């Protein structure tokens, strides 16, 4: 039996961008359903169970975050990525705060698009727990240095995790961002790639319960 292809909803009103994104995503391989407006996207999402939404930030009848809010209000928790030609820092923060898992900047190459889709499609592998090549590159190629720094990192991680949990519990987003900022740098030095992704996602939206859970799971996986 052939494995089921992932099913993506592509929301894009520009015909050229839509054609490129549809063909590139289909080559993953994946089944891609297109919509050019918020209204069309709502109808498609009601009729089909999708594995991932790929949503333009600006559409003829509204904004991408309005679509995401409406879909979430219906109880649909499908992961969603935003794509935009104007991915400046304020735009990116606004889209992440609205609940998008990531923001892709157009034009985007096929390899980068595929990597983003695979990171967020349920059941596909994301970043490795430990990226040895990245850690060796950061530390001059010496595995002994990597091992020593990872041992120190793992000693410090439980306390950092607890501080972030405590700040989340009191809604202190400034304290969370400060602790996460320190942690993401350490992740880079030791090659804690999966935790780094979770930390960056939580930095962008510290009030997001799903991102907090993802961070906690990524930290716990390194400590188990």
N, C-alpha and C. Protein backbone atom coordinates (compact mmCIF):
# COMPACT_ATOMS: atom_id res chain seq x y z
N UNK A 1 0.85 -1.20 0.00
CA UNK A 1 0.00 0.00 0.00
C UNK A 1 0.88 1.25 0.00
N UNK A 2 0.55 2.22 -0.86
CA UNK A 2 1.32 3.45 -0.90
C UNK A 2 1.04 4.29 0.32
N UNK A 3 2.08 4.95 0.89
CA UNK A 3 1.84 5.81 2.05
C UNK A 3 0.99 7.01 1.66
N UNK A 4 0.21 7.49 2.62
CA UNK A 4 -0.64 8.65 2.38
C UNK A 4 0.22 9.90 2.23
N UNK A 5 -0.03 10.66 1.17
CA UNK A 5 0.69 11.91 0.99
C UNK A 5 0.16 12.95 1.95
N UNK A 6 1.05 13.80 2.51
CA UNK A 6 0.54 14.90 3.32
C UNK A 6 -0.28 15.84 2.46
N UNK A 7 -1.29 16.45 3.05
CA UNK A 7 -2.21 17.33 2.34
C UNK A 7 -2.04 18.76 2.83
N UNK A 8 -1.72 19.68 1.93
CA UNK A 8 -1.43 21.07 2.27
C UNK A 8 -2.50 21.98 1.67
N UNK A 9 -2.91 22.97 2.44
CA UNK A 9 -3.77 24.04 1.92
C UNK A 9 -2.88 25.24 1.64
N UNK A 10 -2.78 25.64 0.38
CA UNK A 10 -2.01 26.80 -0.04
C UNK A 10 -2.96 27.96 -0.28
N UNK A 11 -2.80 29.02 0.51
CA UNK A 11 -3.65 30.21 0.38
C UNK A 11 -2.78 31.32 -0.20
N UNK A 12 -3.01 31.65 -1.47
CA UNK A 12 -2.18 32.63 -2.19
C UNK A 12 -3.00 33.19 -3.35
N UNK A 13 -3.07 34.52 -3.47
CA UNK A 13 -3.89 35.12 -4.52
C UNK A 13 -3.09 35.46 -5.78
N UNK A 14 -1.77 35.61 -5.68
CA UNK A 14 -0.97 35.93 -6.86
C UNK A 14 -0.76 34.68 -7.70
N UNK A 15 -1.15 34.69 -8.97
CA UNK A 15 -1.06 33.46 -9.78
C UNK A 15 0.35 32.91 -9.93
N UNK A 16 1.34 33.79 -10.09
CA UNK A 16 2.72 33.33 -10.28
C UNK A 16 3.24 32.69 -8.99
N UNK A 17 3.06 33.38 -7.86
CA UNK A 17 3.50 32.82 -6.58
C UNK A 17 2.77 31.52 -6.28
N UNK A 18 1.47 31.50 -6.58
CA UNK A 18 0.67 30.30 -6.30
C UNK A 18 1.19 29.11 -7.12
N UNK A 19 1.50 29.35 -8.39
CA UNK A 19 1.97 28.27 -9.25
C UNK A 19 3.31 27.73 -8.76
N UNK A 20 4.22 28.64 -8.38
CA UNK A 20 5.53 28.19 -7.90
C UNK A 20 5.38 27.40 -6.60
N UNK A 21 4.66 27.95 -5.63
CA UNK A 21 4.53 27.29 -4.33
C UNK A 21 3.80 25.96 -4.45
N UNK A 22 2.78 25.91 -5.31
CA UNK A 22 2.03 24.67 -5.50
C UNK A 22 2.94 23.58 -6.08
N UNK A 23 3.67 23.92 -7.15
CA UNK A 23 4.52 22.92 -7.79
C UNK A 23 5.67 22.50 -6.89
N UNK A 24 6.25 23.47 -6.17
CA UNK A 24 7.37 23.15 -5.28
C UNK A 24 6.91 22.26 -4.13
N UNK A 25 5.76 22.58 -3.54
CA UNK A 25 5.25 21.77 -2.43
C UNK A 25 4.83 20.39 -2.91
N UNK A 26 4.25 20.31 -4.11
CA UNK A 26 3.82 19.02 -4.65
C UNK A 26 5.00 18.08 -4.87
N UNK A 27 6.18 18.66 -5.13
CA UNK A 27 7.38 17.85 -5.37
C UNK A 27 7.94 17.26 -4.08
N UNK A 28 7.34 17.57 -2.94
CA UNK A 28 7.87 17.12 -1.65
C UNK A 28 7.99 15.59 -1.52
N UNK A 29 7.03 14.73 -1.81
CA UNK A 29 5.76 15.00 -2.48
C UNK A 29 4.65 15.30 -1.46
N UNK A 30 3.62 15.98 -1.97
CA UNK A 30 2.45 16.31 -1.16
C UNK A 30 1.28 16.60 -2.09
N UNK A 31 0.10 16.45 -1.55
CA UNK A 31 -1.11 16.89 -2.25
C UNK A 31 -1.36 18.35 -1.84
N UNK A 32 -1.55 19.22 -2.82
CA UNK A 32 -1.71 20.65 -2.55
C UNK A 32 -3.06 21.12 -3.08
N UNK A 33 -3.83 21.76 -2.20
CA UNK A 33 -5.12 22.35 -2.57
C UNK A 33 -4.97 23.86 -2.47
N UNK A 34 -5.39 24.59 -3.50
CA UNK A 34 -5.21 26.03 -3.53
C UNK A 34 -6.47 26.80 -3.19
N UNK A 35 -6.25 28.00 -2.63
CA UNK A 35 -7.34 28.95 -2.37
C UNK A 35 -6.77 30.35 -2.56
N UNK A 36 -7.56 31.25 -3.14
CA UNK A 36 -7.07 32.59 -3.43
C UNK A 36 -7.60 33.67 -2.51
N UNK A 37 -8.55 33.34 -1.65
CA UNK A 37 -9.15 34.31 -0.74
C UNK A 37 -9.40 33.66 0.61
N UNK A 38 -9.69 34.49 1.62
CA UNK A 38 -10.06 33.95 2.93
C UNK A 38 -11.31 33.09 2.83
N UNK A 39 -12.28 33.56 2.06
CA UNK A 39 -13.54 32.82 1.94
C UNK A 39 -13.31 31.45 1.33
N UNK A 40 -12.49 31.38 0.27
CA UNK A 40 -12.20 30.09 -0.36
C UNK A 40 -11.44 29.18 0.61
N UNK A 41 -10.51 29.76 1.36
CA UNK A 41 -9.72 28.97 2.31
C UNK A 41 -10.61 28.40 3.41
N UNK A 42 -11.55 29.19 3.91
CA UNK A 42 -12.46 28.70 4.94
C UNK A 42 -13.29 27.54 4.41
N UNK A 43 -13.74 27.65 3.17
CA UNK A 43 -14.55 26.58 2.58
C UNK A 43 -13.73 25.31 2.40
N UNK A 44 -12.50 25.45 1.92
CA UNK A 44 -11.64 24.28 1.72
C UNK A 44 -11.31 23.61 3.05
N UNK A 45 -11.03 24.42 4.07
CA UNK A 45 -10.68 23.87 5.38
C UNK A 45 -11.86 23.15 6.02
N UNK A 46 -13.07 23.59 5.70
CA UNK A 46 -14.26 22.93 6.22
C UNK A 46 -14.51 21.59 5.53
N UNK A 47 -14.06 21.49 4.26
CA UNK A 47 -14.36 20.29 3.48
C UNK A 47 -13.28 19.22 3.55
N UNK A 48 -12.05 19.60 3.92
CA UNK A 48 -10.92 18.69 3.84
C UNK A 48 -10.08 18.77 5.10
N UNK A 49 -9.56 17.64 5.54
CA UNK A 49 -8.64 17.60 6.67
C UNK A 49 -7.22 17.79 6.13
N UNK A 50 -6.60 18.92 6.47
CA UNK A 50 -5.25 19.22 6.00
C UNK A 50 -4.22 18.92 7.09
N UNK A 51 -2.99 18.66 6.65
CA UNK A 51 -1.89 18.44 7.57
C UNK A 51 -1.13 19.72 7.87
N UNK A 52 -1.24 20.71 6.97
CA UNK A 52 -0.51 21.97 7.13
C UNK A 52 -1.16 23.02 6.27
N UNK A 53 -1.22 24.25 6.79
CA UNK A 53 -1.70 25.39 6.00
C UNK A 53 -0.51 26.28 5.67
N UNK A 54 -0.47 26.78 4.44
CA UNK A 54 0.56 27.71 3.99
C UNK A 54 -0.19 28.96 3.52
N UNK A 55 -0.14 30.02 4.32
CA UNK A 55 -1.08 31.14 4.18
C UNK A 55 -0.36 32.45 3.86
N UNK A 56 -0.79 33.11 2.79
CA UNK A 56 -0.28 34.44 2.45
C UNK A 56 -0.72 35.43 3.53
N UNK A 57 0.19 36.32 3.90
CA UNK A 57 -0.12 37.28 4.97
C UNK A 57 -1.15 38.31 4.54
N UNK A 58 -1.21 38.63 3.24
CA UNK A 58 -2.14 39.64 2.74
C UNK A 58 -2.93 39.08 1.58
N UNK A 59 -4.25 39.09 1.73
CA UNK A 59 -5.14 38.53 0.73
C UNK A 59 -6.18 39.57 0.32
N UNK A 60 -6.86 39.36 -0.81
CA UNK A 60 -7.81 40.38 -1.29
C UNK A 60 -8.91 40.72 -0.29
N UNK A 61 -9.32 39.75 0.51
CA UNK A 61 -10.42 39.99 1.44
C UNK A 61 -10.00 39.94 2.90
N UNK A 62 -8.71 40.19 3.17
CA UNK A 62 -8.29 40.26 4.57
C UNK A 62 -6.87 39.81 4.78
N UNK A 63 -6.49 39.70 6.05
CA UNK A 63 -5.14 39.29 6.42
C UNK A 63 -5.08 37.82 6.78
N UNK A 64 -3.88 37.26 6.62
CA UNK A 64 -3.68 35.86 6.95
C UNK A 64 -3.98 35.54 8.40
N UNK A 65 -3.62 36.47 9.30
CA UNK A 65 -3.87 36.18 10.71
C UNK A 65 -5.37 36.17 11.04
N UNK A 66 -6.18 36.92 10.26
CA UNK A 66 -7.63 36.86 10.45
C UNK A 66 -8.16 35.48 10.07
N UNK A 67 -7.61 34.92 8.99
CA UNK A 67 -7.99 33.57 8.59
C UNK A 67 -7.61 32.56 9.67
N UNK A 68 -6.38 32.68 10.18
CA UNK A 68 -5.94 31.74 11.20
C UNK A 68 -6.81 31.84 12.45
N UNK A 69 -7.15 33.06 12.84
CA UNK A 69 -8.00 33.25 14.02
C UNK A 69 -9.37 32.61 13.81
N UNK A 70 -9.93 32.76 12.61
CA UNK A 70 -11.25 32.18 12.33
C UNK A 70 -11.19 30.66 12.33
N UNK A 71 -10.13 30.10 11.78
CA UNK A 71 -9.99 28.64 11.76
C UNK A 71 -9.77 28.09 13.17
N UNK A 72 -8.97 28.80 13.97
CA UNK A 72 -8.75 28.36 15.36
C UNK A 72 -10.05 28.44 16.15
N UNK A 73 -10.87 29.45 15.87
CA UNK A 73 -12.14 29.60 16.58
C UNK A 73 -13.08 28.43 16.30
N UNK A 74 -12.88 27.75 15.18
CA UNK A 74 -13.68 26.56 14.85
C UNK A 74 -13.11 25.31 15.49
N UNK A 75 -12.00 25.46 16.23
CA UNK A 75 -11.40 24.32 16.91
C UNK A 75 -10.39 23.57 16.08
N UNK A 76 -9.94 24.15 14.98
CA UNK A 76 -8.97 23.49 14.09
C UNK A 76 -7.56 23.87 14.51
N UNK A 77 -6.76 22.89 14.91
CA UNK A 77 -5.41 23.15 15.41
C UNK A 77 -4.33 22.80 14.37
N UNK A 78 -4.69 22.71 13.10
CA UNK A 78 -3.73 22.38 12.05
C UNK A 78 -2.56 23.36 12.08
N UNK A 79 -1.30 22.89 12.00
CA UNK A 79 -0.16 23.82 11.96
C UNK A 79 -0.26 24.74 10.76
N UNK A 80 0.21 25.98 10.93
CA UNK A 80 0.10 26.97 9.86
C UNK A 80 1.40 27.75 9.72
N UNK A 81 1.83 27.94 8.47
CA UNK A 81 2.97 28.78 8.14
C UNK A 81 2.47 29.98 7.35
N UNK A 82 3.02 31.15 7.65
CA UNK A 82 2.70 32.34 6.87
C UNK A 82 3.79 32.55 5.82
N UNK A 83 3.41 33.15 4.69
CA UNK A 83 4.42 33.55 3.71
C UNK A 83 4.11 34.96 3.24
N UNK A 84 5.16 35.75 3.04
CA UNK A 84 4.99 37.16 2.71
C UNK A 84 6.23 37.68 1.99
N UNK A 85 6.03 38.69 1.16
CA UNK A 85 7.16 39.35 0.49
C UNK A 85 7.70 40.49 1.35
N UNK A 86 7.08 40.75 2.48
CA UNK A 86 7.48 41.87 3.33
C UNK A 86 7.76 41.38 4.74
N UNK A 87 8.70 40.44 4.87
CA UNK A 87 8.96 39.82 6.17
C UNK A 87 9.96 40.64 6.99
N UNK A 88 9.62 41.91 7.26
CA UNK A 88 10.43 42.71 8.17
C UNK A 88 10.16 42.24 9.59
N UNK A 89 10.97 42.71 10.53
CA UNK A 89 10.87 42.22 11.91
C UNK A 89 9.48 42.45 12.52
N UNK A 90 8.88 43.65 12.39
CA UNK A 90 7.53 43.83 12.97
C UNK A 90 6.49 42.91 12.35
N UNK A 91 6.56 42.71 11.03
CA UNK A 91 5.61 41.82 10.37
C UNK A 91 5.79 40.39 10.87
N UNK A 92 7.04 39.95 10.98
CA UNK A 92 7.31 38.59 11.45
C UNK A 92 6.78 38.39 12.86
N UNK A 93 7.05 39.36 13.75
CA UNK A 93 6.58 39.26 15.13
C UNK A 93 5.06 39.22 15.19
N UNK A 94 4.41 40.03 14.35
CA UNK A 94 2.94 40.06 14.35
C UNK A 94 2.36 38.72 13.93
N UNK A 95 2.96 38.11 12.90
CA UNK A 95 2.44 36.84 12.40
C UNK A 95 2.71 35.70 13.39
N UNK A 96 3.88 35.71 14.00
CA UNK A 96 4.18 34.68 14.99
C UNK A 96 3.27 34.83 16.21
N UNK A 97 3.03 36.07 16.62
CA UNK A 97 2.15 36.31 17.76
C UNK A 97 0.72 35.87 17.45
N UNK A 98 0.34 35.92 16.17
CA UNK A 98 -1.01 35.49 15.78
C UNK A 98 -1.17 33.98 15.83
N UNK A 99 -0.04 33.25 15.90
CA UNK A 99 -0.12 31.81 16.03
C UNK A 99 0.50 31.02 14.90
N UNK A 100 1.08 31.70 13.90
CA UNK A 100 1.78 30.97 12.84
C UNK A 100 3.05 30.35 13.41
N UNK A 101 3.35 29.13 13.00
CA UNK A 101 4.52 28.42 13.52
C UNK A 101 5.81 28.97 12.93
N UNK A 102 5.73 29.58 11.74
CA UNK A 102 6.92 30.15 11.11
C UNK A 102 6.46 31.13 10.05
N UNK A 103 7.37 32.00 9.62
CA UNK A 103 7.10 32.99 8.59
C UNK A 103 8.13 32.83 7.49
N UNK A 104 7.69 32.56 6.27
CA UNK A 104 8.57 32.37 5.13
C UNK A 104 8.57 33.63 4.28
N UNK A 105 9.75 34.03 3.84
CA UNK A 105 9.89 35.26 3.06
C UNK A 105 9.98 34.91 1.57
N UNK A 106 9.08 35.49 0.78
CA UNK A 106 9.11 35.29 -0.67
C UNK A 106 10.01 36.36 -1.32
N UNK A 107 10.79 35.98 -2.35
CA UNK A 107 10.85 34.64 -2.95
C UNK A 107 11.65 33.68 -2.09
N UNK A 108 11.23 32.43 -2.08
CA UNK A 108 11.90 31.38 -1.30
C UNK A 108 12.32 30.26 -2.24
N UNK A 109 13.50 29.72 -2.04
CA UNK A 109 13.98 28.62 -2.87
C UNK A 109 13.30 27.31 -2.50
N UNK A 110 13.32 26.38 -3.44
CA UNK A 110 12.68 25.08 -3.20
C UNK A 110 13.28 24.35 -1.99
N UNK A 111 14.63 24.28 -1.86
CA UNK A 111 15.18 23.57 -0.68
C UNK A 111 14.72 24.18 0.64
N UNK A 112 14.69 25.52 0.72
CA UNK A 112 14.26 26.16 1.97
C UNK A 112 12.77 25.92 2.23
N UNK A 113 11.98 25.93 1.16
CA UNK A 113 10.55 25.65 1.32
C UNK A 113 10.33 24.23 1.81
N UNK A 114 11.01 23.28 1.18
CA UNK A 114 10.87 21.88 1.60
C UNK A 114 11.30 21.69 3.05
N UNK A 115 12.41 22.34 3.44
CA UNK A 115 12.89 22.21 4.82
C UNK A 115 11.85 22.74 5.80
N UNK A 116 11.23 23.88 5.48
CA UNK A 116 10.22 24.46 6.36
C UNK A 116 8.99 23.56 6.45
N UNK A 117 8.55 23.02 5.32
CA UNK A 117 7.38 22.14 5.34
C UNK A 117 7.65 20.88 6.15
N UNK A 118 8.84 20.29 5.98
CA UNK A 118 9.16 19.07 6.71
C UNK A 118 9.29 19.31 8.20
N UNK A 119 9.75 20.52 8.58
CA UNK A 119 9.86 20.83 10.02
C UNK A 119 8.50 20.84 10.69
N UNK A 120 7.47 21.21 9.95
CA UNK A 120 6.18 21.47 10.58
C UNK A 120 5.08 20.48 10.22
N UNK A 121 5.33 19.61 9.25
CA UNK A 121 4.34 18.58 8.97
C UNK A 121 4.35 17.56 10.09
N UNK A 122 3.20 17.23 10.66
CA UNK A 122 3.15 16.22 11.72
C UNK A 122 3.73 14.89 11.24
N UNK A 123 4.54 14.26 12.11
CA UNK A 123 5.07 12.95 11.80
C UNK A 123 6.34 12.96 10.99
N UNK A 124 6.86 14.16 10.65
CA UNK A 124 8.13 14.23 9.92
C UNK A 124 9.21 14.71 10.87
N UNK A 125 10.44 14.24 10.67
CA UNK A 125 11.50 14.62 11.60
C UNK A 125 11.88 16.07 11.47
N UNK A 126 12.09 16.74 12.57
CA UNK A 126 12.59 18.11 12.56
C UNK A 126 14.10 18.11 12.75
N UNK A 127 14.60 19.10 13.43
CA UNK A 127 16.04 19.17 13.67
C UNK A 127 16.46 18.04 14.61
N UNK A 128 17.72 17.57 14.48
CA UNK A 128 18.19 16.52 15.39
C UNK A 128 18.35 17.07 16.80
N UNK A 129 18.30 16.18 17.78
CA UNK A 129 18.52 16.62 19.16
C UNK A 129 19.91 17.23 19.30
N UNK A 130 20.92 16.56 18.77
CA UNK A 130 22.30 17.05 18.80
C UNK A 130 22.83 17.14 17.37
N UNK A 131 23.34 18.30 17.00
CA UNK A 131 23.97 18.49 15.69
C UNK A 131 25.47 18.57 15.92
N UNK A 132 26.14 17.42 15.80
CA UNK A 132 27.56 17.36 16.10
C UNK A 132 28.39 18.22 15.16
N UNK A 133 28.03 18.25 13.88
CA UNK A 133 28.81 19.03 12.91
C UNK A 133 28.76 20.52 13.24
N UNK A 134 27.57 21.01 13.60
CA UNK A 134 27.44 22.43 13.95
C UNK A 134 28.22 22.76 15.21
N UNK A 135 28.18 21.86 16.20
CA UNK A 135 28.91 22.10 17.44
C UNK A 135 30.42 22.11 17.20
N UNK A 136 30.91 21.17 16.40
CA UNK A 136 32.36 21.16 16.11
C UNK A 136 32.77 22.40 15.35
N UNK A 137 31.92 22.86 14.43
CA UNK A 137 32.23 24.07 13.68
C UNK A 137 32.30 25.28 14.61
N UNK A 138 31.41 25.33 15.59
CA UNK A 138 31.40 26.46 16.53
C UNK A 138 32.60 26.43 17.47
N UNK A 139 33.17 25.23 17.69
CA UNK A 139 34.24 25.08 18.68
C UNK A 139 35.56 24.64 18.05
N UNK A 140 35.76 25.01 16.80
CA UNK A 140 37.05 24.78 16.17
C UNK A 140 37.35 23.34 15.80
N UNK A 141 36.31 22.51 15.69
CA UNK A 141 36.50 21.15 15.23
C UNK A 141 36.93 20.15 16.27
N UNK A 142 37.00 20.55 17.53
CA UNK A 142 37.49 19.65 18.59
C UNK A 142 36.32 18.96 19.30
N UNK A 143 36.16 17.65 19.08
CA UNK A 143 35.06 16.93 19.71
C UNK A 143 35.20 16.92 21.22
N UNK A 144 36.44 16.90 21.72
CA UNK A 144 36.64 16.92 23.18
C UNK A 144 36.08 18.19 23.79
N UNK A 145 36.24 19.31 23.09
CA UNK A 145 35.67 20.57 23.58
C UNK A 145 34.15 20.51 23.57
N UNK A 146 33.60 19.92 22.50
CA UNK A 146 32.14 19.76 22.41
C UNK A 146 31.62 18.95 23.59
N UNK A 147 32.26 17.82 23.86
CA UNK A 147 31.81 16.95 24.94
C UNK A 147 31.87 17.65 26.29
N UNK A 148 32.95 18.40 26.53
CA UNK A 148 33.10 19.09 27.81
C UNK A 148 32.04 20.18 27.97
N UNK A 149 31.80 20.93 26.90
CA UNK A 149 30.82 22.02 26.98
C UNK A 149 29.40 21.47 27.10
N UNK A 150 29.14 20.33 26.46
CA UNK A 150 27.81 19.73 26.57
C UNK A 150 27.56 19.25 28.01
N UNK A 151 28.58 18.74 28.65
CA UNK A 151 28.41 18.30 30.04
C UNK A 151 28.03 19.48 30.92
N UNK A 152 28.69 20.62 30.72
CA UNK A 152 28.36 21.83 31.48
C UNK A 152 26.96 22.32 31.12
N UNK A 153 26.63 22.30 29.84
CA UNK A 153 25.31 22.71 29.36
C UNK A 153 24.21 21.90 30.04
N UNK A 154 24.40 20.59 30.12
CA UNK A 154 23.39 19.72 30.72
C UNK A 154 23.29 19.90 32.23
N UNK A 155 24.37 20.35 32.87
CA UNK A 155 24.30 20.69 34.29
C UNK A 155 23.45 21.94 34.52
N UNK A 156 23.57 22.90 33.61
CA UNK A 156 22.87 24.17 33.75
C UNK A 156 21.42 24.12 33.27
N UNK A 157 21.12 23.21 32.33
CA UNK A 157 19.81 23.20 31.68
C UNK A 157 18.64 23.04 32.65
N UNK A 158 18.69 22.15 33.65
CA UNK A 158 17.51 22.03 34.53
C UNK A 158 17.13 23.35 35.21
N UNK A 159 18.13 24.12 35.67
CA UNK A 159 17.84 25.40 36.30
C UNK A 159 17.27 26.40 35.32
N UNK A 160 17.80 26.42 34.09
CA UNK A 160 17.28 27.33 33.07
C UNK A 160 15.84 26.97 32.70
N UNK A 161 15.60 25.68 32.57
CA UNK A 161 14.25 25.21 32.26
C UNK A 161 13.27 25.61 33.34
N UNK A 162 13.66 25.46 34.59
CA UNK A 162 12.77 25.80 35.69
C UNK A 162 12.50 27.30 35.76
N UNK A 163 13.52 28.12 35.49
CA UNK A 163 13.31 29.58 35.49
C UNK A 163 12.33 29.99 34.40
N UNK A 164 12.43 29.37 33.25
CA UNK A 164 11.52 29.70 32.15
C UNK A 164 10.11 29.23 32.49
N UNK A 165 9.98 28.05 33.08
CA UNK A 165 8.67 27.56 33.52
C UNK A 165 8.05 28.50 34.54
N UNK A 166 8.86 28.94 35.51
CA UNK A 166 8.35 29.81 36.57
C UNK A 166 7.89 31.14 36.00
N UNK A 167 8.68 31.71 35.08
CA UNK A 167 8.30 32.98 34.46
C UNK A 167 7.03 32.83 33.64
N UNK A 168 6.90 31.69 32.96
CA UNK A 168 5.69 31.43 32.19
C UNK A 168 4.48 31.34 33.11
N UNK A 169 4.67 30.72 34.27
CA UNK A 169 3.57 30.56 35.22
C UNK A 169 3.04 31.87 35.77
N UNK A 170 3.91 32.88 35.85
CA UNK A 170 3.49 34.20 36.35
C UNK A 170 3.20 35.18 35.22
N UNK A 171 3.36 34.72 33.97
CA UNK A 171 3.11 35.61 32.84
C UNK A 171 4.18 36.67 32.64
N UNK A 172 5.38 36.43 33.17
CA UNK A 172 6.47 37.40 33.05
C UNK A 172 7.22 37.14 31.74
N UNK A 173 6.71 37.71 30.66
CA UNK A 173 7.28 37.45 29.34
C UNK A 173 8.65 38.07 29.17
N UNK A 174 8.91 39.18 29.84
CA UNK A 174 10.23 39.80 29.76
C UNK A 174 11.30 38.89 30.36
N UNK A 175 10.99 38.29 31.51
CA UNK A 175 11.93 37.36 32.13
C UNK A 175 12.11 36.11 31.28
N UNK A 176 11.03 35.65 30.66
CA UNK A 176 11.13 34.50 29.77
C UNK A 176 12.06 34.79 28.60
N UNK A 177 11.86 35.94 27.96
CA UNK A 177 12.68 36.28 26.79
C UNK A 177 14.14 36.42 27.19
N UNK A 178 14.40 36.98 28.37
CA UNK A 178 15.78 37.13 28.83
C UNK A 178 16.43 35.76 29.01
N UNK A 179 15.73 34.85 29.67
CA UNK A 179 16.28 33.50 29.90
C UNK A 179 16.42 32.74 28.59
N UNK A 180 15.46 32.89 27.70
CA UNK A 180 15.51 32.20 26.41
C UNK A 180 16.65 32.74 25.55
N UNK A 181 16.89 34.05 25.62
CA UNK A 181 17.99 34.65 24.87
C UNK A 181 19.32 34.05 25.29
N UNK A 182 19.52 33.88 26.59
CA UNK A 182 20.75 33.27 27.08
C UNK A 182 20.86 31.81 26.64
N UNK A 183 19.74 31.11 26.69
CA UNK A 183 19.75 29.69 26.39
C UNK A 183 20.01 29.42 24.91
N UNK A 184 19.46 30.23 24.02
CA UNK A 184 19.62 29.94 22.60
C UNK A 184 21.08 30.07 22.17
N UNK A 185 21.83 30.97 22.78
CA UNK A 185 23.25 31.08 22.46
C UNK A 185 23.99 29.82 22.89
N UNK A 186 23.68 29.31 24.08
CA UNK A 186 24.31 28.09 24.56
C UNK A 186 23.96 26.90 23.66
N UNK A 187 22.72 26.85 23.20
CA UNK A 187 22.31 25.78 22.29
C UNK A 187 23.17 25.77 21.03
N UNK A 188 23.47 26.96 20.52
CA UNK A 188 24.28 27.05 19.32
C UNK A 188 25.68 26.51 19.52
N UNK A 189 26.28 26.80 20.67
CA UNK A 189 27.64 26.34 20.94
C UNK A 189 27.72 24.81 21.04
N UNK A 190 26.70 24.20 21.62
CA UNK A 190 26.77 22.75 21.86
C UNK A 190 26.01 21.94 20.81
N UNK A 191 25.37 22.61 19.85
CA UNK A 191 24.65 21.90 18.80
C UNK A 191 23.34 21.30 19.24
N UNK A 192 22.67 21.91 20.23
CA UNK A 192 21.36 21.43 20.67
C UNK A 192 20.30 21.98 19.72
N UNK A 193 20.23 21.38 18.52
CA UNK A 193 19.48 21.97 17.42
C UNK A 193 17.97 21.98 17.67
N UNK A 194 17.42 20.86 18.14
CA UNK A 194 15.97 20.80 18.34
C UNK A 194 15.53 21.74 19.46
N UNK A 195 16.32 21.81 20.51
CA UNK A 195 15.99 22.73 21.60
C UNK A 195 16.11 24.17 21.12
N UNK A 196 17.12 24.46 20.30
CA UNK A 196 17.28 25.82 19.78
C UNK A 196 16.06 26.25 18.98
N UNK A 197 15.52 25.35 18.16
CA UNK A 197 14.31 25.68 17.39
C UNK A 197 13.14 25.99 18.33
N UNK A 198 12.99 25.16 19.36
CA UNK A 198 11.89 25.37 20.30
C UNK A 198 12.06 26.66 21.09
N UNK A 199 13.30 26.98 21.46
CA UNK A 199 13.58 28.23 22.18
C UNK A 199 13.25 29.44 21.31
N UNK A 200 13.66 29.41 20.05
CA UNK A 200 13.40 30.53 19.15
C UNK A 200 11.90 30.72 18.93
N UNK A 201 11.17 29.62 18.79
CA UNK A 201 9.72 29.73 18.62
C UNK A 201 9.07 30.34 19.86
N UNK A 202 9.52 29.95 21.04
CA UNK A 202 8.94 30.47 22.28
C UNK A 202 9.35 31.92 22.50
N UNK A 203 10.56 32.30 22.09
CA UNK A 203 10.97 33.70 22.16
C UNK A 203 10.00 34.59 21.38
N UNK A 204 9.60 34.12 20.21
CA UNK A 204 8.73 34.93 19.36
C UNK A 204 7.33 35.07 19.93
N UNK A 205 6.88 34.08 20.70
CA UNK A 205 5.53 34.12 21.26
C UNK A 205 5.51 33.45 22.63
N UNK A 206 6.01 34.16 23.67
CA UNK A 206 6.17 33.52 24.98
C UNK A 206 4.87 33.14 25.67
N UNK A 207 3.76 33.68 25.22
CA UNK A 207 2.49 33.32 25.83
C UNK A 207 1.81 32.11 25.20
N UNK A 208 2.44 31.51 24.20
CA UNK A 208 1.85 30.40 23.48
C UNK A 208 2.06 29.09 24.25
N UNK A 209 0.98 28.48 24.69
CA UNK A 209 1.08 27.26 25.50
C UNK A 209 1.67 26.10 24.71
N UNK A 210 1.34 25.99 23.43
CA UNK A 210 1.87 24.90 22.61
C UNK A 210 3.39 25.04 22.47
N UNK A 211 3.86 26.26 22.29
CA UNK A 211 5.31 26.47 22.14
C UNK A 211 6.04 26.22 23.46
N UNK A 212 5.40 26.56 24.56
CA UNK A 212 5.99 26.26 25.87
C UNK A 212 6.10 24.75 26.06
N UNK A 213 5.06 24.03 25.66
CA UNK A 213 5.08 22.56 25.79
C UNK A 213 6.17 21.96 24.90
N UNK A 214 6.32 22.51 23.69
CA UNK A 214 7.36 22.04 22.77
C UNK A 214 8.75 22.29 23.36
N UNK A 215 8.94 23.47 23.95
CA UNK A 215 10.22 23.78 24.60
C UNK A 215 10.49 22.80 25.75
N UNK A 216 9.48 22.58 26.57
CA UNK A 216 9.65 21.70 27.73
C UNK A 216 9.99 20.27 27.30
N UNK A 217 9.35 19.82 26.22
CA UNK A 217 9.61 18.47 25.72
C UNK A 217 11.03 18.37 25.14
N UNK A 218 11.47 19.40 24.43
CA UNK A 218 12.81 19.38 23.83
C UNK A 218 13.88 19.39 24.91
N UNK A 219 13.66 20.19 25.96
CA UNK A 219 14.62 20.22 27.08
C UNK A 219 14.61 18.89 27.81
N UNK A 220 13.43 18.36 28.06
CA UNK A 220 13.32 17.09 28.77
C UNK A 220 13.99 15.95 28.02
N UNK A 221 13.90 15.96 26.68
CA UNK A 221 14.51 14.90 25.89
C UNK A 221 16.03 14.87 26.06
N UNK A 222 16.65 16.02 26.26
CA UNK A 222 18.10 16.07 26.46
C UNK A 222 18.49 15.63 27.87
N UNK A 223 17.57 15.79 28.81
CA UNK A 223 17.89 15.49 30.20
C UNK A 223 17.53 14.06 30.60
N UNK A 224 16.68 13.40 29.82
CA UNK A 224 16.27 12.02 30.16
C UNK A 224 17.43 11.04 30.02
